[in-house]
Amino acid sequence: MAYVIAEPCIGTKDVACVDACPVDCIHPKKDEPGFEKVTMLYIDPVECIDCGACVPVCPVSAIFAQDDLPAKWHEYTAINAKHFGR
């Protein structure tokens, strides 16, 4: 079960989650090409180790365990995966 970044991240893109991630699975980072073009950050569902370190540091409560993702944001599981071509 991976973690998923959902709608509250749109327009926020706070990178505290990027800094907290021990496996570097949240992108794009501020220094990566395309950071300014995307509206939110994404978690790679394959690289995520389900540690949850990103959850408490998110200032807008946008990160959920996939099984706990609110139904209204269910499509964000696919949105996150699609960003990584998965």
PDB file of N, CA and C in Angstrom:
ATOM      1  N   MET A   1       0.846  -1.181   0.000  1.00  0.00           N
ATOM      2  CA  MET A   1       0.000   0.000   0.000  1.00  0.00           C
ATOM      3  C   MET A   1       0.890   1.243   0.000  1.00  0.00           C
ATOM      4  N   ALA A   2       0.778   2.018  -1.037  1.00  0.00           N
ATOM      5  CA  ALA A   2       1.544   3.258  -1.135  1.00  0.00           C
ATOM      6  C   ALA A   2       0.746   4.417  -0.559  1.00  0.00           C
ATOM      7  N   TYR A   3       1.424   5.518  -0.395  1.00  0.00           N
ATOM      8  CA  TYR A   3       0.765   6.755   0.009  1.00  0.00           C
ATOM      9  C   TYR A   3       0.431   7.544  -1.244  1.00  0.00           C
ATOM     10  N   VAL A   4      -0.571   8.406  -1.138  1.00  0.00           N
ATOM     11  CA  VAL A   4      -1.077   9.158  -2.278  1.00  0.00           C
ATOM     12  C   VAL A   4      -1.206  10.625  -1.887  1.00  0.00           C
ATOM     13  N   ILE A   5      -0.782  11.507  -2.769  1.00  0.00           N
ATOM     14  CA  ILE A   5      -0.985  12.938  -2.562  1.00  0.00           C
ATOM     15  C   ILE A   5      -2.264  13.320  -3.299  1.00  0.00           C
ATOM     16  N   ALA A   6      -3.157  14.000  -2.605  1.00  0.00           N
ATOM     17  CA  ALA A   6      -4.470  14.319  -3.165  1.00  0.00           C
ATOM     18  C   ALA A   6      -4.663  15.826  -3.376  1.00  0.00           C
ATOM     19  N   GLU A   7      -5.894  16.204  -3.677  1.00  0.00           N
ATOM     20  CA  GLU A   7      -6.259  17.553  -4.090  1.00  0.00           C
ATOM     21  C   GLU A   7      -5.752  18.711  -3.223  1.00  0.00           C
ATOM     22  N   PRO A   8      -5.689  18.570  -1.890  1.00  0.00           N
ATOM     23  CA  PRO A   8      -5.219  19.723  -1.105  1.00  0.00           C
ATOM     24  C   PRO A   8      -3.821  20.227  -1.475  1.00  0.00           C
ATOM     25  N   CYS A   9      -3.024  19.402  -2.147  1.00  0.00           N
ATOM     26  CA  CYS A   9      -1.681  19.822  -2.547  1.00  0.00           C
ATOM     27  C   CYS A   9      -1.708  20.780  -3.735  1.00  0.00           C
ATOM     28  N   ILE A  10      -2.768  20.754  -4.507  1.00  0.00           N
ATOM     29  CA  ILE A  10      -2.837  21.590  -5.708  1.00  0.00           C
ATOM     30  C   ILE A  10      -2.656  23.058  -5.325  1.00  0.00           C
ATOM     31  N   GLY A  11      -1.668  23.663  -5.956  1.00  0.00           N
ATOM     32  CA  GLY A  11      -1.365  25.064  -5.701  1.00  0.00           C
ATOM     33  C   GLY A  11      -0.496  25.308  -4.481  1.00  0.00           C
ATOM     34  N   THR A  12      -0.265  24.285  -3.676  1.00  0.00           N
ATOM     35  CA  THR A  12       0.544  24.440  -2.466  1.00  0.00           C
ATOM     36  C   THR A  12       1.988  24.029  -2.730  1.00  0.00           C
ATOM     37  N   LYS A  13       2.174  22.792  -3.143  1.00  0.00           N
ATOM     38  CA  LYS A  13       3.485  22.214  -3.447  1.00  0.00           C
ATOM     39  C   LYS A  13       4.525  22.484  -2.361  1.00  0.00           C
ATOM     40  N   ASP A  14       4.133  22.355  -1.112  1.00  0.00           N
ATOM     41  CA  ASP A  14       5.079  22.488  -0.006  1.00  0.00           C
ATOM     42  C   ASP A  14       5.995  21.272  -0.042  1.00  0.00           C
ATOM     43  N   VAL A  15       7.286  21.465   0.007  1.00  0.00           N
ATOM     44  CA  VAL A  15       8.222  20.354  -0.148  1.00  0.00           C
ATOM     45  C   VAL A  15       8.685  19.736   1.175  1.00  0.00           C
ATOM     46  N   ALA A  16       7.995  19.983   2.243  1.00  0.00           N
ATOM     47  CA  ALA A  16       8.357  19.344   3.515  1.00  0.00           C
ATOM     48  C   ALA A  16       8.290  17.827   3.378  1.00  0.00           C
ATOM     49  N   CYS A  17       7.337  17.338   2.605  1.00  0.00           N
ATOM     50  CA  CYS A  17       7.209  15.896   2.401  1.00  0.00           C
ATOM     51  C   CYS A  17       8.406  15.343   1.632  1.00  0.00           C
ATOM     52  N   VAL A  18       8.903  16.101   0.682  1.00  0.00           N
ATOM     53  CA  VAL A  18      10.074  15.684  -0.095  1.00  0.00           C
ATOM     54  C   VAL A  18      11.266  15.509   0.844  1.00  0.00           C
ATOM     55  N   ASP A  19      11.448  16.463   1.731  1.00  0.00           N
ATOM     56  CA  ASP A  19      12.565  16.410   2.675  1.00  0.00           C
ATOM     57  C   ASP A  19      12.415  15.267   3.675  1.00  0.00           C
ATOM     58  N   ALA A  20      11.184  14.907   4.029  1.00  0.00           N
ATOM     59  CA  ALA A  20      10.944  13.859   5.021  1.00  0.00           C
ATOM     60  C   ALA A  20      11.048  12.450   4.450  1.00  0.00           C
ATOM     61  N   CYS A  21      10.907  12.317   3.151  1.00  0.00           N
ATOM     62  CA  CYS A  21      10.888  10.991   2.524  1.00  0.00           C
ATOM     63  C   CYS A  21      12.275  10.342   2.538  1.00  0.00           C
ATOM     64  N   PRO A  22      12.401   9.158   3.172  1.00  0.00           N
ATOM     65  CA  PRO A  22      13.712   8.509   3.237  1.00  0.00           C
ATOM     66  C   PRO A  22      14.138   7.816   1.947  1.00  0.00           C
ATOM     67  N   VAL A  23      13.209   7.633   0.996  1.00  0.00           N
ATOM     68  CA  VAL A  23      13.557   6.927  -0.236  1.00  0.00           C
ATOM     69  C   VAL A  23      13.426   7.796  -1.487  1.00  0.00           C
ATOM     70  N   ASP A  24      13.222   9.082  -1.310  1.00  0.00           N
ATOM     71  CA  ASP A  24      13.215  10.020  -2.431  1.00  0.00           C
ATOM     72  C   ASP A  24      12.171   9.659  -3.498  1.00  0.00           C
ATOM     73  N   CYS A  25      10.930   9.373  -3.049  1.00  0.00           N
ATOM     74  CA  CYS A  25       9.899   8.961  -4.007  1.00  0.00           C
ATOM     75  C   CYS A  25       8.858  10.044  -4.272  1.00  0.00           C
ATOM     76  N   ILE A  26       9.053  11.261  -3.752  1.00  0.00           N
ATOM     77  CA  ILE A  26       8.112  12.351  -3.966  1.00  0.00           C
ATOM     78  C   ILE A  26       8.757  13.373  -4.896  1.00  0.00           C
ATOM     79  N   HIS A  27       8.047  13.663  -5.981  1.00  0.00           N
ATOM     80  CA  HIS A  27       8.586  14.550  -7.017  1.00  0.00           C
ATOM     81  C   HIS A  27       7.483  15.417  -7.581  1.00  0.00           C
ATOM     82  N   PRO A  28       7.822  16.463  -8.307  1.00  0.00           N
ATOM     83  CA  PRO A  28       9.168  16.952  -8.530  1.00  0.00           C
ATOM     84  C   PRO A  28       9.680  17.760  -7.342  1.00  0.00           C
ATOM     85  N   LYS A  29      10.993  17.795  -7.223  1.00  0.00           N
ATOM     86  CA  LYS A  29      11.640  18.635  -6.223  1.00  0.00           C
ATOM     87  C   LYS A  29      11.755  20.038  -6.802  1.00  0.00           C
ATOM     88  N   LYS A  30      11.998  21.007  -5.939  1.00  0.00           N
ATOM     89  CA  LYS A  30      12.093  22.405  -6.397  1.00  0.00           C
ATOM     90  C   LYS A  30      13.158  22.608  -7.460  1.00  0.00           C
ATOM     91  N   ASP A  31      14.241  21.816  -7.399  1.00  0.00           N
ATOM     92  CA  ASP A  31      15.332  22.008  -8.349  1.00  0.00           C
ATOM     93  C   ASP A  31      15.217  21.121  -9.588  1.00  0.00           C
ATOM     94  N   GLU A  32      14.139  20.375  -9.719  1.00  0.00           N
ATOM     95  CA  GLU A  32      13.943  19.518 -10.885  1.00  0.00           C
ATOM     96  C   GLU A  32      13.227  20.279 -12.005  1.00  0.00           C
ATOM     97  N   PRO A  33      13.572  19.948 -13.237  1.00  0.00           N
ATOM     98  CA  PRO A  33      12.858  20.568 -14.359  1.00  0.00           C
ATOM     99  C   PRO A  33      11.367  20.246 -14.257  1.00  0.00           C
ATOM    100  N   GLY A  34      10.559  21.211 -14.537  1.00  0.00           N
ATOM    101  CA  GLY A  34       9.123  20.991 -14.518  1.00  0.00           C
ATOM    102  C   GLY A  34       8.430  21.304 -13.217  1.00  0.00           C
ATOM    103  N   PHE A  35       9.197  21.625 -12.172  1.00  0.00           N
ATOM    104  CA  PHE A  35       8.568  21.914 -10.877  1.00  0.00           C
ATOM    105  C   PHE A  35       7.550  23.044 -10.998  1.00  0.00           C
ATOM    106  N   GLU A  36       7.915  24.086 -11.697  1.00  0.00           N
ATOM    107  CA  GLU A  36       7.017  25.240 -11.820  1.00  0.00           C
ATOM    108  C   GLU A  36       5.781  24.925 -12.649  1.00  0.00           C
ATOM    109  N   LYS A  37       5.874  23.954 -13.538  1.00  0.00           N
ATOM    110  CA  LYS A  37       4.767  23.642 -14.440  1.00  0.00           C
ATOM    111  C   LYS A  37       3.684  22.774 -13.804  1.00  0.00           C
ATOM    112  N   VAL A  38       4.054  21.924 -12.850  1.00  0.00           N
ATOM    113  CA  VAL A  38       3.054  21.047 -12.240  1.00  0.00           C
ATOM    114  C   VAL A  38       2.269  21.794 -11.173  1.00  0.00           C
ATOM    115  N   THR A  39       1.061  21.321 -10.925  1.00  0.00           N
ATOM    116  CA  THR A  39       0.205  21.994  -9.940  1.00  0.00           C
ATOM    117  C   THR A  39       0.318  21.377  -8.555  1.00  0.00           C
ATOM    118  N   MET A  40       0.937  20.180  -8.475  1.00  0.00           N
ATOM    119  CA  MET A  40       1.051  19.486  -7.189  1.00  0.00           C
ATOM    120  C   MET A  40       2.263  18.564  -7.204  1.00  0.00           C
ATOM    121  N   LEU A  41       2.530  17.945  -6.062  1.00  0.00           N
ATOM    122  CA  LEU A  41       3.598  16.951  -5.960  1.00  0.00           C
ATOM    123  C   LEU A  41       2.980  15.563  -6.080  1.00  0.00           C
ATOM    124  N   TYR A  42       3.817  14.559  -6.356  1.00  0.00           N
ATOM    125  CA  TYR A  42       3.334  13.204  -6.594  1.00  0.00           C
ATOM    126  C   TYR A  42       4.220  12.195  -5.876  1.00  0.00           C
ATOM    127  N   ILE A  43       3.619  11.094  -5.447  1.00  0.00           N
ATOM    128  CA  ILE A  43       4.359   9.995  -4.816  1.00  0.00           C
ATOM    129  C   ILE A  43       4.415   8.827  -5.800  1.00  0.00           C
ATOM    130  N   ASP A  44       5.619   8.318  -6.032  1.00  0.00           N
ATOM    131  CA  ASP A  44       5.807   7.158  -6.900  1.00  0.00           C
ATOM    132  C   ASP A  44       5.310   5.919  -6.145  1.00  0.00           C
ATOM    133  N   PRO A  45       4.247   5.261  -6.633  1.00  0.00           N
ATOM    134  CA  PRO A  45       3.671   4.134  -5.898  1.00  0.00           C
ATOM    135  C   PRO A  45       4.570   2.908  -5.840  1.00  0.00           C
ATOM    136  N   VAL A  46       5.530   2.812  -6.740  1.00  0.00           N
ATOM    137  CA  VAL A  46       6.444   1.673  -6.737  1.00  0.00           C
ATOM    138  C   VAL A  46       7.595   1.911  -5.765  1.00  0.00           C
ATOM    139  N   GLU A  47       8.088   3.125  -5.721  1.00  0.00           N
ATOM    140  CA  GLU A  47       9.223   3.453  -4.864  1.00  0.00           C
ATOM    141  C   GLU A  47       8.825   3.685  -3.396  1.00  0.00           C
ATOM    142  N   CYS A  48       7.582   4.055  -3.146  1.00  0.00           N
ATOM    143  CA  CYS A  48       7.117   4.338  -1.790  1.00  0.00           C
ATOM    144  C   CYS A  48       7.232   3.087  -0.912  1.00  0.00           C
ATOM    145  N   ILE A  49       7.826   3.238   0.276  1.00  0.00           N
ATOM    146  CA  ILE A  49       7.994   2.099   1.187  1.00  0.00           C
ATOM    147  C   ILE A  49       6.952   2.101   2.301  1.00  0.00           C
ATOM    148  N   ASP A  50       5.948   2.931   2.167  1.00  0.00           N
ATOM    149  CA  ASP A  50       4.825   2.959   3.109  1.00  0.00           C
ATOM    150  C   ASP A  50       5.228   3.306   4.538  1.00  0.00           C
ATOM    151  N   CYS A  51       6.207   4.172   4.688  1.00  0.00           N
ATOM    152  CA  CYS A  51       6.677   4.509   6.028  1.00  0.00           C
ATOM    153  C   CYS A  51       5.810   5.578   6.693  1.00  0.00           C
ATOM    154  N   GLY A  52       5.156   6.420   5.892  1.00  0.00           N
ATOM    155  CA  GLY A  52       4.291   7.458   6.436  1.00  0.00           C
ATOM    156  C   GLY A  52       5.013   8.689   6.949  1.00  0.00           C
ATOM    157  N   ALA A  53       6.307   8.801   6.708  1.00  0.00           N
ATOM    158  CA  ALA A  53       7.062   9.955   7.203  1.00  0.00           C
ATOM    159  C   ALA A  53       6.570  11.262   6.605  1.00  0.00           C
ATOM    160  N   CYS A  54       5.988  11.207   5.444  1.00  0.00           N
ATOM    161  CA  CYS A  54       5.509  12.409   4.758  1.00  0.00           C
ATOM    162  C   CYS A  54       4.206  12.960   5.338  1.00  0.00           C
ATOM    163  N   VAL A  55       3.417  12.112   5.936  1.00  0.00           N
ATOM    164  CA  VAL A  55       2.072  12.510   6.387  1.00  0.00           C
ATOM    165  C   VAL A  55       2.087  13.626   7.428  1.00  0.00           C
ATOM    166  N   PRO A  56       2.817  13.493   8.523  1.00  0.00           N
ATOM    167  CA  PRO A  56       2.725  14.533   9.557  1.00  0.00           C
ATOM    168  C   PRO A  56       3.336  15.880   9.174  1.00  0.00           C
ATOM    169  N   VAL A  57       4.185  15.908   8.166  1.00  0.00           N
ATOM    170  CA  VAL A  57       4.826  17.176   7.789  1.00  0.00           C
ATOM    171  C   VAL A  57       4.052  17.956   6.730  1.00  0.00           C
ATOM    172  N   CYS A  58       3.036  17.363   6.157  1.00  0.00           N
ATOM    173  CA  CYS A  58       2.248  18.039   5.121  1.00  0.00           C
ATOM    174  C   CYS A  58       1.373  19.110   5.770  1.00  0.00           C
ATOM    175  N   PRO A  59       1.577  20.373   5.406  1.00  0.00           N
ATOM    176  CA  PRO A  59       0.827  21.450   6.051  1.00  0.00           C
ATOM    177  C   PRO A  59      -0.643  21.542   5.639  1.00  0.00           C
ATOM    178  N   VAL A  60      -1.023  20.835   4.574  1.00  0.00           N
ATOM    179  CA  VAL A  60      -2.414  20.899   4.113  1.00  0.00           C
ATOM    180  C   VAL A  60      -3.124  19.548   4.186  1.00  0.00           C
ATOM    181  N   SER A  61      -2.522  18.589   4.873  1.00  0.00           N
ATOM    182  CA  SER A  61      -3.109  17.249   5.048  1.00  0.00           C
ATOM    183  C   SER A  61      -3.549  16.640   3.717  1.00  0.00           C
ATOM    184  N   ALA A  62      -2.630  16.631   2.767  1.00  0.00           N
ATOM    185  CA  ALA A  62      -2.934  16.132   1.423  1.00  0.00           C
ATOM    186  C   ALA A  62      -2.477  14.708   1.191  1.00  0.00           C
ATOM    187  N   ILE A  63      -1.797  14.087   2.161  1.00  0.00           N
ATOM    188  CA  ILE A  63      -1.198  12.777   1.937  1.00  0.00           C
ATOM    189  C   ILE A  63      -1.947  11.725   2.757  1.00  0.00           C
ATOM    190  N   PHE A  64      -2.313  10.648   2.064  1.00  0.00           N
ATOM    191  CA  PHE A  64      -3.092   9.586   2.683  1.00  0.00           C
ATOM    192  C   PHE A  64      -2.523   8.232   2.296  1.00  0.00           C
ATOM    193  N   ALA A  65      -2.649   7.252   3.215  1.00  0.00           N
ATOM    194  CA  ALA A  65      -2.387   5.877   2.832  1.00  0.00           C
ATOM    195  C   ALA A  65      -3.442   5.535   1.789  1.00  0.00           C
ATOM    196  N   GLN A  66      -3.087   4.779   0.798  1.00  0.00           N
ATOM    197  CA  GLN A  66      -4.014   4.481  -0.294  1.00  0.00           C
ATOM    198  C   GLN A  66      -5.333   3.932   0.226  1.00  0.00           C
ATOM    199  N   ASP A  67      -5.291   3.081   1.213  1.00  0.00           N
ATOM    200  CA  ASP A  67      -6.522   2.499   1.771  1.00  0.00           C
ATOM    201  C   ASP A  67      -7.358   3.504   2.546  1.00  0.00           C
ATOM    202  N   ASP A  68      -6.766   4.615   2.947  1.00  0.00           N
ATOM    203  CA  ASP A  68      -7.479   5.636   3.718  1.00  0.00           C
ATOM    204  C   ASP A  68      -7.843   6.866   2.893  1.00  0.00           C
ATOM    205  N   LEU A  69      -7.563   6.828   1.606  1.00  0.00           N
ATOM    206  CA  LEU A  69      -7.840   7.962   0.733  1.00  0.00           C
ATOM    207  C   LEU A  69      -9.352   8.194   0.667  1.00  0.00           C
ATOM    208  N   PRO A  70      -9.811   9.401   0.969  1.00  0.00           N
ATOM    209  CA  PRO A  70     -11.243   9.673   0.885  1.00  0.00           C
ATOM    210  C   PRO A  70     -11.793   9.362  -0.515  1.00  0.00           C
ATOM    211  N   ALA A  71     -12.991   8.848  -0.570  1.00  0.00           N
ATOM    212  CA  ALA A  71     -13.605   8.446  -1.839  1.00  0.00           C
ATOM    213  C   ALA A  71     -13.630   9.583  -2.854  1.00  0.00           C
ATOM    214  N   LYS A  72     -13.828  10.806  -2.378  1.00  0.00           N
ATOM    215  CA  LYS A  72     -13.905  11.944  -3.302  1.00  0.00           C
ATOM    216  C   LYS A  72     -12.582  12.207  -4.020  1.00  0.00           C
ATOM    217  N   TRP A  73     -11.485  11.645  -3.516  1.00  0.00           N
ATOM    218  CA  TRP A  73     -10.168  11.832  -4.131  1.00  0.00           C
ATOM    219  C   TRP A  73      -9.592  10.522  -4.664  1.00  0.00           C
ATOM    220  N   HIS A  74     -10.419   9.549  -4.876  1.00  0.00           N
ATOM    221  CA  HIS A  74      -9.969   8.227  -5.322  1.00  0.00           C
ATOM    222  C   HIS A  74      -9.119   8.299  -6.593  1.00  0.00           C
ATOM    223  N   GLU A  75      -9.459   9.223  -7.498  1.00  0.00           N
ATOM    224  CA  GLU A  75      -8.729   9.304  -8.769  1.00  0.00           C
ATOM    225  C   GLU A  75      -7.277   9.728  -8.600  1.00  0.00           C
ATOM    226  N   TYR A  76      -6.913  10.239  -7.432  1.00  0.00           N
ATOM    227  CA  TYR A  76      -5.532  10.677  -7.216  1.00  0.00           C
ATOM    228  C   TYR A  76      -4.549   9.516  -7.118  1.00  0.00           C
ATOM    229  N   THR A  77      -5.036   8.312  -6.865  1.00  0.00           N
ATOM    230  CA  THR A  77      -4.156   7.142  -6.912  1.00  0.00           C
ATOM    231  C   THR A  77      -3.596   7.003  -8.328  1.00  0.00           C
ATOM    232  N   ALA A  78      -4.469   7.089  -9.318  1.00  0.00           N
ATOM    233  CA  ALA A  78      -4.040   6.989 -10.716  1.00  0.00           C
ATOM    234  C   ALA A  78      -3.266   8.225 -11.158  1.00  0.00           C
ATOM    235  N   ILE A  79      -3.641   9.387 -10.667  1.00  0.00           N
ATOM    236  CA  ILE A  79      -2.944  10.624 -11.028  1.00  0.00           C
ATOM    237  C   ILE A  79      -1.486  10.574 -10.581  1.00  0.00           C
ATOM    238  N   ASN A  80      -1.254  10.111  -9.334  1.00  0.00           N
ATOM    239  CA  ASN A  80       0.115   9.996  -8.841  1.00  0.00           C
ATOM    240  C   ASN A  80       0.896   8.974  -9.683  1.00  0.00           C
ATOM    241  N   ALA A  81       0.317   7.818  -9.936  1.00  0.00           N
ATOM    242  CA  ALA A  81       1.000   6.775 -10.712  1.00  0.00           C
ATOM    243  C   ALA A  81       1.306   7.257 -12.119  1.00  0.00           C
ATOM    244  N   LYS A  82       0.360   7.940 -12.746  1.00  0.00           N
ATOM    245  CA  LYS A  82       0.535   8.419 -14.111  1.00  0.00           C
ATOM    246  C   LYS A  82       1.710   9.373 -14.234  1.00  0.00           C
ATOM    247  N   HIS A  83       1.929  10.201 -13.215  1.00  0.00           N
ATOM    248  CA  HIS A  83       3.049  11.140 -13.248  1.00  0.00           C
ATOM    249  C   HIS A  83       4.379  10.407 -13.456  1.00  0.00           C
ATOM    250  N   PHE A  84       4.466   9.183 -12.954  1.00  0.00           N
ATOM    251  CA  PHE A  84       5.692   8.395 -13.058  1.00  0.00           C
ATOM    252  C   PHE A  84       5.638   7.365 -14.201  1.00  0.00           C
ATOM    253  N   GLY A  85       4.587   7.444 -15.015  1.00  0.00           N
ATOM    254  CA  GLY A  85       4.456   6.513 -16.128  1.00  0.00           C
ATOM    255  C   GLY A  85       4.111   5.104 -15.710  1.00  0.00           C
ATOM    256  N   ARG A  86       3.396   5.004 -14.600  1.00  0.00           N
ATOM    257  CA  ARG A  86       3.059   3.665 -14.083  1.00  0.00           C
ATOM    258  C   ARG A  86       1.588   3.364 -14.275  1.00  0.00           C
TER     259      ARG A  86
END
